[in-house]
PDB file of all heavy atoms in Angstrom:
ATOM      1  N   ASP A   1       0.833  -1.197  -0.029  1.00  0.00           N
ATOM      2  CA  ASP A   1      -0.025  -0.001  -0.011  1.00  0.00           C
ATOM      3  C   ASP A   1       0.827   1.304   0.021  1.00  0.00           C
ATOM      4  O   ASP A   1       0.326   2.348   0.050  1.00  0.00           O
ATOM      5  CB  ASP A   1      -0.920   0.033   1.252  1.00  0.00           C
ATOM      6  CG  ASP A   1      -1.875  -1.183   1.291  1.00  0.00           C
ATOM      7  OD1 ASP A   1      -2.528  -1.443   0.323  1.00  0.00           O
ATOM      8  OD2 ASP A   1      -1.932  -1.785   2.358  1.00  0.00           O
ATOM      9  N   VAL A   2       2.165   1.080  -0.061  1.00  0.00           N
ATOM     10  CA  VAL A   2       3.103   2.225   0.048  1.00  0.00           C
ATOM     11  C   VAL A   2       3.790   2.450  -1.347  1.00  0.00           C
ATOM     12  O   VAL A   2       4.279   1.496  -1.906  1.00  0.00           O
ATOM     13  CB  VAL A   2       4.098   2.069   1.152  1.00  0.00           C
ATOM     14  CG1 VAL A   2       5.106   3.159   1.160  1.00  0.00           C
ATOM     15  CG2 VAL A   2       3.411   1.961   2.545  1.00  0.00           C
ATOM     16  N   TYR A   3       3.832   3.741  -1.721  1.00  0.00           N
ATOM     17  CA  TYR A   3       4.535   4.084  -2.939  1.00  0.00           C
ATOM     18  C   TYR A   3       5.493   5.244  -2.662  1.00  0.00           C
ATOM     19  O   TYR A   3       5.134   6.218  -2.054  1.00  0.00           O
ATOM     20  CB  TYR A   3       3.480   4.666  -3.942  1.00  0.00           C
ATOM     21  CG  TYR A   3       2.446   3.668  -4.365  1.00  0.00           C
ATOM     22  CD1 TYR A   3       1.397   3.283  -3.598  1.00  0.00           C
ATOM     23  CD2 TYR A   3       2.575   3.026  -5.713  1.00  0.00           C
ATOM     24  CE1 TYR A   3       0.459   2.368  -3.951  1.00  0.00           C
ATOM     25  CE2 TYR A   3       1.598   2.084  -6.103  1.00  0.00           C
ATOM     26  CZ  TYR A   3       0.622   1.738  -5.218  1.00  0.00           C
ATOM     27  OH  TYR A   3      -0.304   0.885  -5.673  1.00  0.00           O
ATOM     28  N   THR A   4       6.757   5.089  -2.988  1.00  0.00           N
ATOM     29  CA  THR A   4       7.714   6.135  -2.876  1.00  0.00           C
ATOM     30  C   THR A   4       7.614   7.010  -4.105  1.00  0.00           C
ATOM     31  O   THR A   4       7.258   6.540  -5.169  1.00  0.00           O
ATOM     32  CB  THR A   4       9.157   5.602  -2.762  1.00  0.00           C
ATOM     33  OG1 THR A   4       9.512   4.864  -3.820  1.00  0.00           O
ATOM     34  CG2 THR A   4       9.169   4.718  -1.452  1.00  0.00           C
ATOM     35  N   GLY A   5       8.077   8.258  -3.972  1.00  0.00           N
ATOM     36  CA  GLY A   5       8.062   9.220  -5.097  1.00  0.00           C
ATOM     37  C   GLY A   5       9.268  10.199  -5.077  1.00  0.00           C
ATOM     38  O   GLY A   5       9.901  10.337  -4.037  1.00  0.00           O
ATOM     39  N   ASN A   6       9.387  10.836  -6.184  1.00  0.00           N
ATOM     40  CA  ASN A   6      10.357  11.877  -6.265  1.00  0.00           C
ATOM     41  C   ASN A   6       9.769  13.166  -5.641  1.00  0.00           C
ATOM     42  O   ASN A   6       9.426  14.084  -6.278  1.00  0.00           O
ATOM     43  CB  ASN A   6      10.822  12.140  -7.737  1.00  0.00           C
ATOM     44  CG  ASN A   6      11.451  10.949  -8.380  1.00  0.00           C
ATOM     45  OD1 ASN A   6      12.478  10.522  -7.856  1.00  0.00           O
ATOM     46  ND2 ASN A   6      10.884  10.401  -9.423  1.00  0.00           N
ATOM     47  N   GLY A   7       9.739  13.070  -4.275  1.00  0.00           N
ATOM     48  CA  GLY A   7       9.038  14.134  -3.550  1.00  0.00           C
ATOM     49  C   GLY A   7       7.582  13.804  -3.527  1.00  0.00           C
ATOM     50  O   GLY A   7       7.065  13.013  -4.357  1.00  0.00           O
ATOM     51  N   VAL A   8       6.838  14.469  -2.631  1.00  0.00           N
ATOM     52  CA  VAL A   8       5.372  14.332  -2.568  1.00  0.00           C
ATOM     53  C   VAL A   8       4.709  14.829  -3.812  1.00  0.00           C
ATOM     54  O   VAL A   8       3.737  14.287  -4.215  1.00  0.00           O
ATOM     55  CB  VAL A   8       4.895  14.974  -1.314  1.00  0.00           C
ATOM     56  CG1 VAL A   8       3.387  15.116  -1.324  1.00  0.00           C
ATOM     57  CG2 VAL A   8       5.253  14.225  -0.018  1.00  0.00           C
ATOM     58  N   SER A   9       5.316  15.859  -4.422  1.00  0.00           N
ATOM     59  CA  SER A   9       4.625  16.515  -5.596  1.00  0.00           C
ATOM     60  C   SER A   9       4.317  15.565  -6.634  1.00  0.00           C
ATOM     61  O   SER A   9       3.205  15.570  -7.243  1.00  0.00           O
ATOM     62  CB  SER A   9       5.542  17.603  -6.086  1.00  0.00           C
ATOM     63  OG  SER A   9       5.804  18.642  -5.168  1.00  0.00           O
ATOM     64  N   GLU A  10       5.251  14.615  -7.050  1.00  0.00           N
ATOM     65  CA  GLU A  10       4.982  13.692  -8.025  1.00  0.00           C
ATOM     66  C   GLU A  10       3.848  12.798  -7.717  1.00  0.00           C
ATOM     67  O   GLU A  10       2.977  12.456  -8.552  1.00  0.00           O
ATOM     68  CB  GLU A  10       6.301  12.739  -8.226  1.00  0.00           C
ATOM     69  CG  GLU A  10       6.039  11.703  -9.264  1.00  0.00           C
ATOM     70  CD  GLU A  10       7.264  10.761  -9.346  1.00  0.00           C
ATOM     71  OE1 GLU A  10       7.726  10.293  -8.275  1.00  0.00           O
ATOM     72  OE2 GLU A  10       7.713  10.530 -10.428  1.00  0.00           O
ATOM     73  N   LEU A  11       3.709  12.351  -6.434  1.00  0.00           N
ATOM     74  CA  LEU A  11       2.695  11.468  -6.018  1.00  0.00           C
ATOM     75  C   LEU A  11       1.303  12.138  -5.985  1.00  0.00           C
ATOM     76  O   LEU A  11       0.299  11.525  -6.253  1.00  0.00           O
ATOM     77  CB  LEU A  11       3.057  10.848  -4.591  1.00  0.00           C
ATOM     78  CG  LEU A  11       4.265   9.933  -4.674  1.00  0.00           C
ATOM     79  CD1 LEU A  11       4.747   9.652  -3.217  1.00  0.00           C
ATOM     80  CD2 LEU A  11       3.987   8.668  -5.438  1.00  0.00           C
ATOM     81  N   ILE A  12       1.225  13.431  -5.683  1.00  0.00           N
ATOM     82  CA  ILE A  12       0.006  14.140  -5.675  1.00  0.00           C
ATOM     83  C   ILE A  12      -0.484  14.204  -7.080  1.00  0.00           C
ATOM     84  O   ILE A  12      -1.666  13.928  -7.294  1.00  0.00           O
ATOM     85  CB  ILE A  12       0.223  15.626  -5.181  1.00  0.00           C
ATOM     86  CG1 ILE A  12       0.494  15.584  -3.667  1.00  0.00           C
ATOM     87  CG2 ILE A  12      -1.017  16.488  -5.558  1.00  0.00           C
ATOM     88  CD1 ILE A  12       0.835  16.982  -3.081  1.00  0.00           C
ATOM     89  N   THR A  13       0.304  14.521  -8.059  1.00  0.00           N
ATOM     90  CA  THR A  13      -0.137  14.506  -9.483  1.00  0.00           C
ATOM     91  C   THR A  13      -0.548  13.119  -9.898  1.00  0.00           C
ATOM     92  O   THR A  13      -1.609  12.961 -10.518  1.00  0.00           O
ATOM     93  CB  THR A  13       1.084  14.978 -10.322  1.00  0.00           C
ATOM     94  OG1 THR A  13       1.410  16.301  -9.860  1.00  0.00           O
ATOM     95  CG2 THR A  13       0.639  15.080 -11.765  1.00  0.00           C
ATOM     96  N   LEU A  14       0.197  12.162  -9.495  1.00  0.00           N
ATOM     97  CA  LEU A  14      -0.180  10.728  -9.860  1.00  0.00           C
ATOM     98  C   LEU A  14      -1.512  10.316  -9.344  1.00  0.00           C
ATOM     99  O   LEU A  14      -2.306   9.734  -9.999  1.00  0.00           O
ATOM    100  CB  LEU A  14       0.987   9.861  -9.410  1.00  0.00           C
ATOM    101  CG  LEU A  14       0.960   8.291  -9.804  1.00  0.00           C
ATOM    102  CD1 LEU A  14       2.371   7.753  -9.801  1.00  0.00           C
ATOM    103  CD2 LEU A  14       0.138   7.523  -8.731  1.00  0.00           C
ATOM    104  N   SER A  15      -1.760  10.768  -8.123  1.00  0.00           N
ATOM    105  CA  SER A  15      -3.064  10.361  -7.465  1.00  0.00           C
ATOM    106  C   SER A  15      -4.217  10.961  -8.156  1.00  0.00           C
ATOM    107  O   SER A  15      -5.305  10.333  -8.117  1.00  0.00           O
ATOM    108  CB  SER A  15      -3.055  10.660  -5.960  1.00  0.00           C
ATOM    109  OG  SER A  15      -3.093  12.090  -5.783  1.00  0.00           O
ATOM    110  N   MET A  16      -4.109  12.133  -8.676  1.00  0.00           N
ATOM    111  CA  MET A  16      -5.192  12.865  -9.373  1.00  0.00           C
ATOM    112  C   MET A  16      -5.351  12.237 -10.767  1.00  0.00           C
ATOM    113  O   MET A  16      -6.474  12.026 -11.234  1.00  0.00           O
ATOM    114  CB  MET A  16      -4.859  14.323  -9.446  1.00  0.00           C
ATOM    115  CG  MET A  16      -4.860  15.021  -8.072  1.00  0.00           C
ATOM    116  SD  MET A  16      -6.521  15.041  -7.271  1.00  0.00           S
ATOM    117  CE  MET A  16      -6.231  13.986  -5.908  1.00  0.00           C
ATOM    118  N   GLN A  17      -4.247  11.950 -11.448  1.00  0.00           N
ATOM    119  CA  GLN A  17      -4.320  11.402 -12.759  1.00  0.00           C
ATOM    120  C   GLN A  17      -5.026  10.054 -12.778  1.00  0.00           C
ATOM    121  O   GLN A  17      -5.673   9.671 -13.776  1.00  0.00           O
ATOM    122  CB  GLN A  17      -2.904  11.358 -13.368  1.00  0.00           C
ATOM    123  CG  GLN A  17      -2.316  12.637 -13.769  1.00  0.00           C
ATOM    124  CD  GLN A  17      -0.856  12.513 -14.193  1.00  0.00           C
ATOM    125  OE1 GLN A  17      -0.222  11.545 -13.897  1.00  0.00           O
ATOM    126  NE2 GLN A  17      -0.360  13.517 -14.974  1.00  0.00           N
ATOM    127  N   GLY A  18      -4.829   9.294 -11.731  1.00  0.00           N
ATOM    128  CA  GLY A  18      -5.333   7.949 -11.644  1.00  0.00           C
ATOM    129  C   GLY A  18      -6.810   7.953 -11.360  1.00  0.00           C
ATOM    130  O   GLY A  18      -7.543   6.992 -11.419  1.00  0.00           O
ATOM    131  N   LEU A  19      -7.450   9.104 -10.904  1.00  0.00           N
ATOM    132  CA  LEU A  19      -8.791   9.153 -10.402  1.00  0.00           C
ATOM    133  C   LEU A  19      -9.696   9.933 -11.286  1.00  0.00           C
ATOM    134  O   LEU A  19     -10.879   9.464 -11.542  1.00  0.00           O
ATOM    135  CB  LEU A  19      -8.780   9.849  -8.955  1.00  0.00           C
ATOM    136  CG  LEU A  19     -10.101  10.098  -8.317  1.00  0.00           C
ATOM    137  CD1 LEU A  19     -10.783   8.728  -7.907  1.00  0.00           C
ATOM    138  CD2 LEU A  19      -9.912  11.000  -7.078  1.00  0.00           C
ATOM    139  N   LEU A  20      -9.292  11.115 -11.786  1.00  0.00           N
ATOM    140  CA  LEU A  20     -10.327  12.044 -12.227  1.00  0.00           C
ATOM    141  C   LEU A  20     -10.632  11.971 -13.750  1.00  0.00           C
ATOM    142  O   LEU A  20      -9.753  11.708 -14.613  1.00  0.00           O
ATOM    143  CB  LEU A  20      -9.780  13.476 -12.018  1.00  0.00           C
ATOM    144  CG  LEU A  20      -9.515  13.832 -10.483  1.00  0.00           C
ATOM    145  CD1 LEU A  20      -9.037  15.212 -10.386  1.00  0.00           C
ATOM    146  CD2 LEU A  20     -10.861  13.643  -9.762  1.00  0.00           C
ATOM    147  N   ASP A  21     -11.948  12.143 -14.012  1.00  0.00           N
ATOM    148  CA  ASP A  21     -12.427  12.356 -15.352  1.00  0.00           C
ATOM    149  C   ASP A  21     -12.959  13.774 -15.456  1.00  0.00           C
ATOM    150  O   ASP A  21     -13.115  14.431 -14.457  1.00  0.00           O
ATOM    151  CB  ASP A  21     -13.623  11.375 -15.680  1.00  0.00           C
ATOM    152  CG  ASP A  21     -13.169   9.987 -15.748  1.00  0.00           C
ATOM    153  OD1 ASP A  21     -12.086   9.676 -16.260  1.00  0.00           O
ATOM    154  OD2 ASP A  21     -13.875   9.082 -15.203  1.00  0.00           O
ATOM    155  N   TYR A  22     -13.089  14.225 -16.711  1.00  0.00           N
ATOM    156  CA  TYR A  22     -13.610  15.614 -16.908  1.00  0.00           C
ATOM    157  C   TYR A  22     -14.969  15.802 -16.143  1.00  0.00           C
ATOM    158  O   TYR A  22     -15.834  14.972 -16.314  1.00  0.00           O
ATOM    159  CB  TYR A  22     -13.708  15.909 -18.323  1.00  0.00           C
ATOM    160  CG  TYR A  22     -12.347  16.101 -19.000  1.00  0.00           C
ATOM    161  CD1 TYR A  22     -11.734  15.160 -19.705  1.00  0.00           C
ATOM    162  CD2 TYR A  22     -11.709  17.394 -18.837  1.00  0.00           C
ATOM    163  CE1 TYR A  22     -10.527  15.316 -20.256  1.00  0.00           C
ATOM    164  CE2 TYR A  22     -10.405  17.528 -19.371  1.00  0.00           C
ATOM    165  CZ  TYR A  22      -9.866  16.506 -20.102  1.00  0.00           C
ATOM    166  OH  TYR A  22      -8.553  16.733 -20.585  1.00  0.00           O
ATOM    167  N   GLY A  23     -15.021  16.821 -15.364  1.00  0.00           N
ATOM    168  CA  GLY A  23     -16.288  17.135 -14.647  1.00  0.00           C
ATOM    169  C   GLY A  23     -16.206  16.719 -13.176  1.00  0.00           C
ATOM    170  O   GLY A  23     -17.019  17.125 -12.374  1.00  0.00           O
ATOM    171  N   ASP A  24     -15.263  15.785 -12.887  1.00  0.00           N
ATOM    172  CA  ASP A  24     -15.137  15.409 -11.475  1.00  0.00           C
ATOM    173  C   ASP A  24     -14.606  16.537 -10.661  1.00  0.00           C
ATOM    174  O   ASP A  24     -13.832  17.391 -11.090  1.00  0.00           O
ATOM    175  CB  ASP A  24     -14.202  14.244 -11.333  1.00  0.00           C
ATOM    176  CG  ASP A  24     -14.774  12.942 -11.887  1.00  0.00           C
ATOM    177  OD1 ASP A  24     -16.002  12.891 -12.101  1.00  0.00           O
ATOM    178  OD2 ASP A  24     -13.957  11.981 -12.165  1.00  0.00           O
ATOM    179  N   GLU A  25     -14.941  16.590  -9.347  1.00  0.00           N
ATOM    180  CA  GLU A  25     -14.595  17.677  -8.488  1.00  0.00           C
ATOM    181  C   GLU A  25     -13.813  17.147  -7.282  1.00  0.00           C
ATOM    182  O   GLU A  25     -14.063  16.098  -6.792  1.00  0.00           O
ATOM    183  CB  GLU A  25     -15.799  18.454  -7.960  1.00  0.00           C
ATOM    184  CG  GLU A  25     -16.575  19.179  -9.060  1.00  0.00           C
ATOM    185  CD  GLU A  25     -17.821  19.788  -8.538  1.00  0.00           C
ATOM    186  OE1 GLU A  25     -18.186  19.600  -7.391  1.00  0.00           O
ATOM    187  OE2 GLU A  25     -18.540  20.455  -9.342  1.00  0.00           O
ATOM    188  N   ILE A  26     -12.795  17.935  -6.838  1.00  0.00           N
ATOM    189  CA  ILE A  26     -12.043  17.680  -5.611  1.00  0.00           C
ATOM    190  C   ILE A  26     -12.137  18.926  -4.744  1.00  0.00           C
ATOM    191  O   ILE A  26     -11.892  20.015  -5.282  1.00  0.00           O
ATOM    192  CB  ILE A  26     -10.563  17.340  -5.974  1.00  0.00           C
ATOM    193  CG1 ILE A  26     -10.464  16.037  -6.710  1.00  0.00           C
ATOM    194  CG2 ILE A  26      -9.777  17.213  -4.592  1.00  0.00           C
ATOM    195  CD1 ILE A  26     -10.722  14.772  -5.986  1.00  0.00           C
ATOM    196  N   LEU A  27     -12.441  18.709  -3.478  1.00  0.00           N
ATOM    197  CA  LEU A  27     -12.459  19.905  -2.519  1.00  0.00           C
ATOM    198  C   LEU A  27     -11.063  20.173  -2.099  1.00  0.00           C
ATOM    199  O   LEU A  27     -10.347  19.304  -1.619  1.00  0.00           O
ATOM    200  CB  LEU A  27     -13.320  19.535  -1.352  1.00  0.00           C
ATOM    201  CG  LEU A  27     -14.863  19.408  -1.673  1.00  0.00           C
ATOM    202  CD1 LEU A  27     -15.613  18.717  -0.472  1.00  0.00           C
ATOM    203  CD2 LEU A  27     -15.427  20.806  -1.997  1.00  0.00           C
ATOM    204  N   VAL A  28     -10.613  21.329  -2.198  1.00  0.00           N
ATOM    205  CA  VAL A  28      -9.207  21.788  -1.906  1.00  0.00           C
ATOM    206  C   VAL A  28      -9.303  23.038  -1.043  1.00  0.00           C
ATOM    207  O   VAL A  28     -10.174  23.877  -1.280  1.00  0.00           O
ATOM    208  CB  VAL A  28      -8.496  22.156  -3.180  1.00  0.00           C
ATOM    209  CG1 VAL A  28      -7.065  22.589  -2.906  1.00  0.00           C
ATOM    210  CG2 VAL A  28      -8.417  20.921  -4.184  1.00  0.00           C
ATOM    211  N   PRO A  29      -8.503  23.117   0.044  1.00  0.00           N
ATOM    212  CA  PRO A  29      -8.593  24.258   0.893  1.00  0.00           C
ATOM    213  C   PRO A  29      -8.192  25.587   0.240  1.00  0.00           C
ATOM    214  O   PRO A  29      -7.442  25.590  -0.725  1.00  0.00           O
ATOM    215  CB  PRO A  29      -7.653  23.949   1.994  1.00  0.00           C
ATOM    216  CG  PRO A  29      -6.659  23.030   1.426  1.00  0.00           C
ATOM    217  CD  PRO A  29      -7.415  22.173   0.422  1.00  0.00           C
ATOM    218  N   ALA A  30      -8.656  26.702   0.709  1.00  0.00           N
ATOM    219  CA  ALA A  30      -8.236  28.039   0.377  1.00  0.00           C
ATOM    220  C   ALA A  30      -7.973  28.757   1.695  1.00  0.00           C
ATOM    221  O   ALA A  30      -8.903  28.842   2.486  1.00  0.00           O
ATOM    222  CB  ALA A  30      -9.380  28.798  -0.438  1.00  0.00           C
ATOM    223  N   PRO A  31      -6.668  29.142   1.889  1.00  0.00           N
ATOM    224  CA  PRO A  31      -5.550  29.037   0.991  1.00  0.00           C
ATOM    225  C   PRO A  31      -5.052  27.569   0.871  1.00  0.00           C
ATOM    226  O   PRO A  31      -5.312  26.744   1.780  1.00  0.00           O
ATOM    227  CB  PRO A  31      -4.556  29.896   1.593  1.00  0.00           C
ATOM    228  CG  PRO A  31      -4.867  29.908   3.072  1.00  0.00           C
ATOM    229  CD  PRO A  31      -6.294  29.873   3.126  1.00  0.00           C
ATOM    230  N   ASP A  32      -4.433  27.304  -0.236  1.00  0.00           N
ATOM    231  CA  ASP A  32      -3.913  25.927  -0.408  1.00  0.00           C
ATOM    232  C   ASP A  32      -2.426  25.954  -0.791  1.00  0.00           C
ATOM    233  O   ASP A  32      -1.864  26.994  -1.049  1.00  0.00           O
ATOM    234  CB  ASP A  32      -4.772  25.220  -1.598  1.00  0.00           C
ATOM    235  CG  ASP A  32      -4.361  25.911  -2.926  1.00  0.00           C
ATOM    236  OD1 ASP A  32      -3.847  27.009  -3.032  1.00  0.00           O
ATOM    237  OD2 ASP A  32      -4.744  25.301  -3.999  1.00  0.00           O
ATOM    238  N   TYR A  33      -1.825  24.728  -0.873  1.00  0.00           N
ATOM    239  CA  TYR A  33      -0.602  24.511  -1.497  1.00  0.00           C
ATOM    240  C   TYR A  33      -0.913  24.407  -3.081  1.00  0.00           C
ATOM    241  O   TYR A  33      -1.615  23.427  -3.395  1.00  0.00           O
ATOM    242  CB  TYR A  33       0.139  23.343  -1.005  1.00  0.00           C
ATOM    243  CG  TYR A  33       1.434  22.961  -1.703  1.00  0.00           C
ATOM    244  CD1 TYR A  33       2.440  23.880  -1.856  1.00  0.00           C
ATOM    245  CD2 TYR A  33       1.658  21.774  -2.251  1.00  0.00           C
ATOM    246  CE1 TYR A  33       3.643  23.658  -2.462  1.00  0.00           C
ATOM    247  CE2 TYR A  33       2.808  21.434  -2.919  1.00  0.00           C
ATOM    248  CZ  TYR A  33       3.818  22.400  -3.041  1.00  0.00           C
ATOM    249  OH  TYR A  33       4.933  22.051  -3.736  1.00  0.00           O
ATOM    250  N   PRO A  34      -0.557  25.354  -3.884  1.00  0.00           N
ATOM    251  CA  PRO A  34      -1.130  25.436  -5.209  1.00  0.00           C
ATOM    252  C   PRO A  34      -0.990  24.192  -6.045  1.00  0.00           C
ATOM    253  O   PRO A  34      -1.674  24.056  -7.071  1.00  0.00           O
ATOM    254  CB  PRO A  34      -0.486  26.685  -5.870  1.00  0.00           C
ATOM    255  CG  PRO A  34       0.766  26.974  -4.997  1.00  0.00           C
ATOM    256  CD  PRO A  34       0.424  26.433  -3.656  1.00  0.00           C
ATOM    257  N   LEU A  35       0.015  23.364  -5.776  1.00  0.00           N
ATOM    258  CA  LEU A  35       0.163  22.235  -6.614  1.00  0.00           C
ATOM    259  C   LEU A  35      -1.102  21.260  -6.563  1.00  0.00           C
ATOM    260  O   LEU A  35      -1.402  20.622  -7.619  1.00  0.00           O
ATOM    261  CB  LEU A  35       1.388  21.356  -6.105  1.00  0.00           C
ATOM    262  CG  LEU A  35       1.594  20.031  -6.865  1.00  0.00           C
ATOM    263  CD1 LEU A  35       2.149  20.311  -8.280  1.00  0.00           C
ATOM    264  CD2 LEU A  35       2.470  19.091  -6.086  1.00  0.00           C
ATOM    265  N   TRP A  36      -1.833  21.288  -5.540  1.00  0.00           N
ATOM    266  CA  TRP A  36      -3.055  20.476  -5.414  1.00  0.00           C
ATOM    267  C   TRP A  36      -4.055  21.016  -6.508  1.00  0.00           C
ATOM    268  O   TRP A  36      -4.617  20.172  -7.256  1.00  0.00           O
ATOM    269  CB  TRP A  36      -3.682  20.563  -4.047  1.00  0.00           C
ATOM    270  CG  TRP A  36      -3.014  19.623  -3.065  1.00  0.00           C
ATOM    271  CD1 TRP A  36      -2.176  19.936  -2.057  1.00  0.00           C
ATOM    272  CD2 TRP A  36      -3.275  18.125  -2.943  1.00  0.00           C
ATOM    273  NE1 TRP A  36      -1.771  18.788  -1.379  1.00  0.00           N
ATOM    274  CE2 TRP A  36      -2.451  17.777  -1.930  1.00  0.00           C
ATOM    275  CE3 TRP A  36      -4.018  17.293  -3.730  1.00  0.00           C
ATOM    276  CZ2 TRP A  36      -2.299  16.381  -1.581  1.00  0.00           C
ATOM    277  CZ3 TRP A  36      -3.927  15.956  -3.400  1.00  0.00           C
ATOM    278  CH2 TRP A  36      -3.136  15.484  -2.330  1.00  0.00           C
ATOM    279  N   THR A  37      -4.306  22.262  -6.495  1.00  0.00           N
ATOM    280  CA  THR A  37      -5.204  22.774  -7.500  1.00  0.00           C
ATOM    281  C   THR A  37      -4.730  22.535  -8.940  1.00  0.00           C
ATOM    282  O   THR A  37      -5.438  22.133  -9.784  1.00  0.00           O
ATOM    283  CB  THR A  37      -5.353  24.269  -7.282  1.00  0.00           C
ATOM    284  OG1 THR A  37      -6.030  24.490  -5.991  1.00  0.00           O
ATOM    285  CG2 THR A  37      -6.238  24.969  -8.430  1.00  0.00           C
ATOM    286  N   ALA A  38      -3.468  22.752  -9.204  1.00  0.00           N
ATOM    287  CA  ALA A  38      -2.885  22.493 -10.537  1.00  0.00           C
ATOM    288  C   ALA A  38      -3.041  21.077 -10.900  1.00  0.00           C
ATOM    289  O   ALA A  38      -3.367  20.788 -12.082  1.00  0.00           O
ATOM    290  CB  ALA A  38      -1.467  22.965 -10.508  1.00  0.00           C
ATOM    291  N   SER A  39      -2.763  20.123  -9.965  1.00  0.00           N
ATOM    292  CA  SER A  39      -2.761  18.631 -10.286  1.00  0.00           C
ATOM    293  C   SER A  39      -4.237  18.250 -10.652  1.00  0.00           C
ATOM    294  O   SER A  39      -4.432  17.383 -11.543  1.00  0.00           O
ATOM    295  CB  SER A  39      -2.172  17.852  -9.152  1.00  0.00           C
ATOM    296  OG  SER A  39      -0.858  18.077  -8.988  1.00  0.00           O
ATOM    297  N   VAL A  40      -5.140  18.795  -9.804  1.00  0.00           N
ATOM    298  CA  VAL A  40      -6.598  18.419 -10.102  1.00  0.00           C
ATOM    299  C   VAL A  40      -6.931  18.888 -11.523  1.00  0.00           C
ATOM    300  O   VAL A  40      -7.598  18.183 -12.326  1.00  0.00           O
ATOM    301  CB  VAL A  40      -7.501  19.093  -9.053  1.00  0.00           C
ATOM    302  CG1 VAL A  40      -8.962  19.011  -9.456  1.00  0.00           C
ATOM    303  CG2 VAL A  40      -7.334  18.477  -7.708  1.00  0.00           C
ATOM    304  N   THR A  41      -6.582  20.123 -11.851  1.00  0.00           N
ATOM    305  CA  THR A  41      -6.967  20.704 -13.112  1.00  0.00           C
ATOM    306  C   THR A  41      -6.248  20.002 -14.256  1.00  0.00           C
ATOM    307  O   THR A  41      -6.929  19.699 -15.294  1.00  0.00           O
ATOM    308  CB  THR A  41      -6.641  22.194 -13.134  1.00  0.00           C
ATOM    309  OG1 THR A  41      -7.262  22.799 -11.987  1.00  0.00           O
ATOM    310  CG2 THR A  41      -7.097  22.901 -14.396  1.00  0.00           C
ATOM    311  N   LEU A  42      -4.981  19.672 -14.108  1.00  0.00           N
ATOM    312  CA  LEU A  42      -4.323  19.017 -15.239  1.00  0.00           C
ATOM    313  C   LEU A  42      -4.813  17.574 -15.419  1.00  0.00           C
ATOM    314  O   LEU A  42      -4.623  17.071 -16.534  1.00  0.00           O
ATOM    315  CB  LEU A  42      -2.806  18.984 -14.935  1.00  0.00           C
ATOM    316  CG  LEU A  42      -2.053  20.338 -15.001  1.00  0.00           C
ATOM    317  CD1 LEU A  42      -0.633  20.212 -14.334  1.00  0.00           C
ATOM    318  CD2 LEU A  42      -1.943  20.768 -16.526  1.00  0.00           C
ATOM    319  N   ALA A  43      -5.351  16.993 -14.442  1.00  0.00           N
ATOM    320  CA  ALA A  43      -6.021  15.708 -14.582  1.00  0.00           C
ATOM    321  C   ALA A  43      -7.395  15.711 -15.198  1.00  0.00           C
ATOM    322  O   ALA A  43      -7.967  14.669 -15.423  1.00  0.00           O
ATOM    323  CB  ALA A  43      -5.979  14.919 -13.230  1.00  0.00           C
ATOM    324  N   GLY A  44      -7.876  16.871 -15.445  1.00  0.00           N
ATOM    325  CA  GLY A  44      -9.159  17.104 -16.115  1.00  0.00           C
ATOM    326  C   GLY A  44     -10.328  17.297 -15.157  1.00  0.00           C
ATOM    327  O   GLY A  44     -11.438  17.496 -15.512  1.00  0.00           O
TER     328      GLY A  44
END
């Protein structure tokens, strides 16, 4: 159940790419660490 990554940033992006289809929503805090918003958006 454990995955290592080149920093957490890579794994955040990977987790969004594996989940999201266009139109899906993820709740993200405001203010946020902006990589979360970018990763959600880049995954569609």
